[in-house]
Amino acid sequence: MALEPHYYKNLIEAGCDEAGRGCLAGSVYAAAVILPADYNNPFLNDSKQLSAAKRNQLREQIQRDAVAWAIGIVTPEEIDEINILKASFLAMHRALDQLSVRPEAIIVDGNRFVPYHDLPYTTIIKGDGKYQSIAAASILAKTYRDDYMDELAEQYPMYGWKKNKGYPTKEHREGIKNFGISPFHRKSYNLLGSQELSLEFGE
């Protein structure tokens, strides 16, 4: 089913989405994307519904076709300081800050958002499967964050980040149990699930 081109019909609209909110390690990434008014890419969809190869192919198309796009990043240290929900909104705001074209309205995947300046916004549950600009943002946020986790996996191969991208898999938690935490783990998270332990990397 083709996704809707726009929610705000006569405004320059930016779609926003984040990636990495549920991860135990790594930064949270967000993207903001403004697509042309008459844009229609039938292959755009929620990034979780696409293969890695398809996401990377679409990333190139989005970056080529978009009126403007940008990535916002919030570090694990900042996540621990302000909490992941606020960090997700901050990452979206940072992405919006970097857009080369100022949007007149914002649509966001999910059910909560913190207002960005004085711009009108709408939150849309499962918006990455409904609107093209949110789907495009979900693809950019996911692919850029995956690239970042792949780089970290080279330095810290013991957590299986190449595969799990920092999400709480059994392999990831086994790595934490056996090796302690890395500098990129979110210390405010329950890193071992049911086993509450204070772990420092290398100890």
Protein backbone atom coordinates (compact mmCIF):
# COMPACT_ATOMS: atom_id res chain seq x y z
CA MET A 1 0.00 0.00 0.00
CA ALA A 2 1.44 3.37 -0.99
CA LEU A 3 2.12 5.81 1.82
CA GLU A 4 0.50 9.23 2.02
CA PRO A 5 2.66 12.04 0.60
CA HIS A 6 1.77 14.74 3.19
CA TYR A 7 -0.27 15.41 6.32
CA TYR A 8 -0.15 19.23 6.12
CA LYS A 9 -1.22 19.78 2.53
CA ASN A 10 -0.06 23.36 1.92
CA LEU A 11 2.92 23.67 4.25
CA ILE A 12 6.59 22.72 3.99
CA GLU A 13 6.49 19.61 6.14
CA ALA A 14 9.35 17.76 7.83
CA GLY A 15 8.91 14.13 8.87
CA CYS A 16 10.85 12.96 11.96
CA ASP A 17 11.72 9.59 13.41
CA GLU A 18 14.38 8.11 15.70
CA ALA A 19 16.37 4.88 15.94
CA GLY A 20 18.00 3.20 18.90
CA ARG A 21 15.64 4.15 21.70
CA GLY A 22 15.43 0.61 23.07
CA CYS A 23 19.16 -0.12 22.84
CA LEU A 24 21.46 -0.76 25.81
CA ALA A 25 24.42 0.92 24.11
CA GLY A 26 25.22 3.67 21.65
CA SER A 27 23.76 7.05 20.80
CA VAL A 28 20.17 7.60 19.78
CA TYR A 29 19.85 8.90 16.21
CA ALA A 30 17.02 10.87 14.65
CA ALA A 31 16.38 12.18 11.15
CA ALA A 32 14.29 15.01 9.74
CA VAL A 33 13.31 14.89 6.06
CA ILE A 34 11.49 17.35 3.81
CA LEU A 35 10.32 15.75 0.58
CA PRO A 36 9.14 17.59 -2.57
CA ALA A 37 5.44 18.48 -2.59
CA ASP A 38 4.61 16.07 -5.43
CA TYR A 39 6.99 13.31 -4.29
CA ASN A 40 5.98 9.67 -4.55
CA ASN A 41 8.33 6.76 -3.93
CA PRO A 42 6.30 3.52 -3.80
CA PHE A 43 9.18 1.67 -2.10
CA LEU A 44 9.23 3.86 1.01
CA ASN A 45 8.08 2.04 4.14
CA ASP A 46 8.78 1.67 7.83
CA SER A 47 12.52 0.84 8.00
CA LYS A 48 11.81 -2.25 10.16
CA GLN A 49 9.84 -3.76 7.26
CA LEU A 50 12.79 -3.48 4.84
CA SER A 51 15.99 -5.48 4.40
CA ALA A 52 19.32 -3.79 5.18
CA ALA A 53 20.18 -3.75 1.47
CA LYS A 54 16.84 -2.13 0.58
CA ARG A 55 17.25 0.47 3.35
CA ASN A 56 20.69 1.46 2.08
CA GLN A 57 19.41 1.69 -1.49
CA LEU A 58 16.51 3.90 -0.35
CA ARG A 59 18.87 6.05 1.74
CA GLU A 60 20.68 7.08 -1.45
CA GLN A 61 17.38 7.88 -3.18
CA ILE A 62 16.08 9.90 -0.21
CA GLN A 63 19.28 11.93 0.07
CA ARG A 64 19.23 12.62 -3.66
CA ASP A 65 15.52 13.50 -3.89
CA ALA A 66 14.81 15.31 -0.60
CA VAL A 67 14.42 19.08 -0.46
CA ALA A 68 16.41 18.83 2.80
CA TRP A 69 17.45 16.15 5.27
CA ALA A 70 19.54 16.00 8.43
CA ILE A 71 20.60 13.67 11.23
CA GLY A 72 20.54 14.49 14.96
CA ILE A 73 22.52 12.52 17.56
CA VAL A 74 22.34 12.31 21.36
CA THR A 75 25.15 10.45 23.15
CA PRO A 76 24.87 7.72 25.80
CA GLU A 77 26.16 10.21 28.43
CA GLU A 78 23.38 12.64 27.53
CA ILE A 79 20.81 9.82 27.58
CA ASP A 80 21.90 8.88 31.13
CA GLU A 81 21.63 12.52 32.17
CA ILE A 82 18.22 13.44 30.74
CA ASN A 83 16.52 10.02 30.07
CA ILE A 84 15.84 8.33 26.74
CA LEU A 85 12.46 9.91 26.00
CA LYS A 86 13.86 13.45 26.31
CA ALA A 87 16.97 12.31 24.40
CA SER A 88 14.81 11.08 21.50
CA PHE A 89 13.08 14.46 21.26
CA LEU A 90 16.42 16.28 21.55
CA ALA A 91 17.84 14.18 18.69
CA MET A 92 14.84 15.16 16.53
CA HIS A 93 15.29 18.83 17.45
CA ARG A 94 18.98 18.61 16.55
CA ALA A 95 18.06 17.12 13.18
CA LEU A 96 15.49 19.89 12.59
CA ASP A 97 18.11 22.51 13.57
CA GLN A 98 20.36 21.34 10.76
CA LEU A 99 17.83 21.37 7.91
CA SER A 100 18.91 23.67 5.11
CA VAL A 101 15.24 24.59 4.50
CA ARG A 102 13.10 25.68 7.44
CA PRO A 103 9.94 23.58 7.74
CA GLU A 104 6.54 25.13 8.39
CA ALA A 105 5.13 22.03 10.11
CA ILE A 106 6.38 18.74 11.57
CA ILE A 107 5.01 15.21 11.62
CA VAL A 108 6.52 12.75 14.09
CA ASP A 109 6.37 8.99 14.46
CA GLY A 110 4.85 8.03 17.80
CA ASN A 111 2.43 9.61 20.26
CA ARG A 112 4.58 12.23 22.04
CA PHE A 113 6.78 15.15 21.08
CA VAL A 114 8.20 18.34 22.58
CA PRO A 115 7.23 21.45 20.55
CA TYR A 116 9.93 22.74 18.23
CA HIS A 117 9.94 26.54 18.33
CA ASP A 118 6.48 27.73 17.30
CA LEU A 119 5.90 25.20 14.52
CA PRO A 120 2.67 23.19 14.36
CA TYR A 121 3.23 19.45 14.76
CA THR A 122 1.29 16.20 14.73
CA THR A 123 2.30 12.89 16.30
CA ILE A 124 1.25 9.83 14.31
CA ILE A 125 1.33 6.34 15.80
CA LYS A 126 3.03 4.00 13.32
CA GLY A 127 3.59 7.08 11.18
CA ASP A 128 6.59 5.44 9.49
CA GLY A 129 4.13 3.09 7.81
CA LYS A 130 1.70 5.89 6.84
CA TYR A 131 3.59 8.97 5.63
CA GLN A 132 6.49 9.11 3.19
CA SER A 133 8.56 11.74 5.00
CA ILE A 134 8.39 9.83 8.31
CA ALA A 135 9.28 6.59 6.51
CA ALA A 136 12.22 8.40 4.88
CA ALA A 137 13.33 9.71 8.29
CA SER A 138 13.09 6.22 9.80
CA ILE A 139 15.32 4.84 7.02
CA LEU A 140 17.95 7.57 7.44
CA ALA A 141 17.99 7.32 11.24
CA LYS A 142 18.22 3.51 11.15
CA THR A 143 20.93 3.26 8.48
CA TYR A 144 23.15 5.96 9.96
CA ARG A 145 22.82 4.44 13.42
CA ASP A 146 23.57 0.94 12.06
CA ASP A 147 26.75 2.27 10.41
CA TYR A 148 27.79 3.84 13.72
CA MET A 149 27.16 0.60 15.67
CA ASP A 150 29.11 -1.38 13.04
CA GLU A 151 32.08 0.93 13.66
CA LEU A 152 31.80 0.47 17.44
CA ALA A 153 31.58 -3.29 16.92
CA GLU A 154 35.09 -3.21 15.45
CA GLN A 155 36.40 -1.81 18.76
CA TYR A 156 34.18 -3.92 21.02
CA PRO A 157 33.43 -7.22 19.25
CA MET A 158 32.44 -9.02 22.47
CA TYR A 159 28.88 -7.66 22.53
CA GLY A 160 27.69 -8.79 19.09
CA TRP A 161 26.85 -5.23 18.04
CA LYS A 162 27.43 -6.05 14.38
CA LYS A 163 24.28 -8.14 14.57
CA ASN A 164 22.23 -6.71 17.44
CA LYS A 165 23.14 -2.99 16.93
CA GLY A 166 23.08 -2.49 20.70
CA TYR A 167 19.63 -3.97 21.36
CA PRO A 168 19.18 -6.24 24.42
CA THR A 169 19.79 -9.66 22.91
CA LYS A 170 21.02 -12.68 24.86
CA GLU A 171 24.44 -12.38 23.20
CA HIS A 172 24.69 -8.70 24.16
CA ARG A 173 23.80 -9.37 27.80
CA GLU A 174 26.22 -12.33 27.95
CA GLY A 175 28.97 -9.98 26.71
CA ILE A 176 28.16 -7.48 29.46
CA LYS A 177 28.16 -10.25 32.08
CA ASN A 178 31.52 -11.62 30.90
CA PHE A 179 33.38 -8.41 30.00
CA GLY A 180 31.63 -5.61 31.90
CA ILE A 181 30.37 -2.49 30.19
CA SER A 182 31.96 -0.38 27.48
CA PRO A 183 32.19 3.43 27.50
CA PHE A 184 29.21 3.39 25.11
CA HIS A 185 26.74 1.57 27.37
CA ARG A 186 23.81 3.50 28.85
CA LYS A 187 24.49 3.23 32.57
CA SER A 188 20.97 4.32 33.53
CA TYR A 189 19.56 1.20 31.84
CA ASN A 190 18.99 -2.20 33.43
CA LEU A 191 21.80 -3.70 31.37
CA LEU A 192 21.53 -7.29 32.60
CA GLY A 193 17.78 -7.61 32.68
CA SER A 194 16.75 -9.34 35.89
CA GLN A 195 20.30 -9.37 37.27
CA GLU A 196 21.04 -5.99 38.81
CA LEU A 197 24.81 -5.57 38.92
CA SER A 198 27.03 -2.52 38.82
CA LEU A 199 29.58 -3.17 36.09
CA GLU A 200 32.55 -1.17 34.94
CA PHE A 201 34.39 -1.95 31.75
CA GLY A 202 37.51 -4.07 32.26
CA GLU A 203 36.94 -4.71 35.97
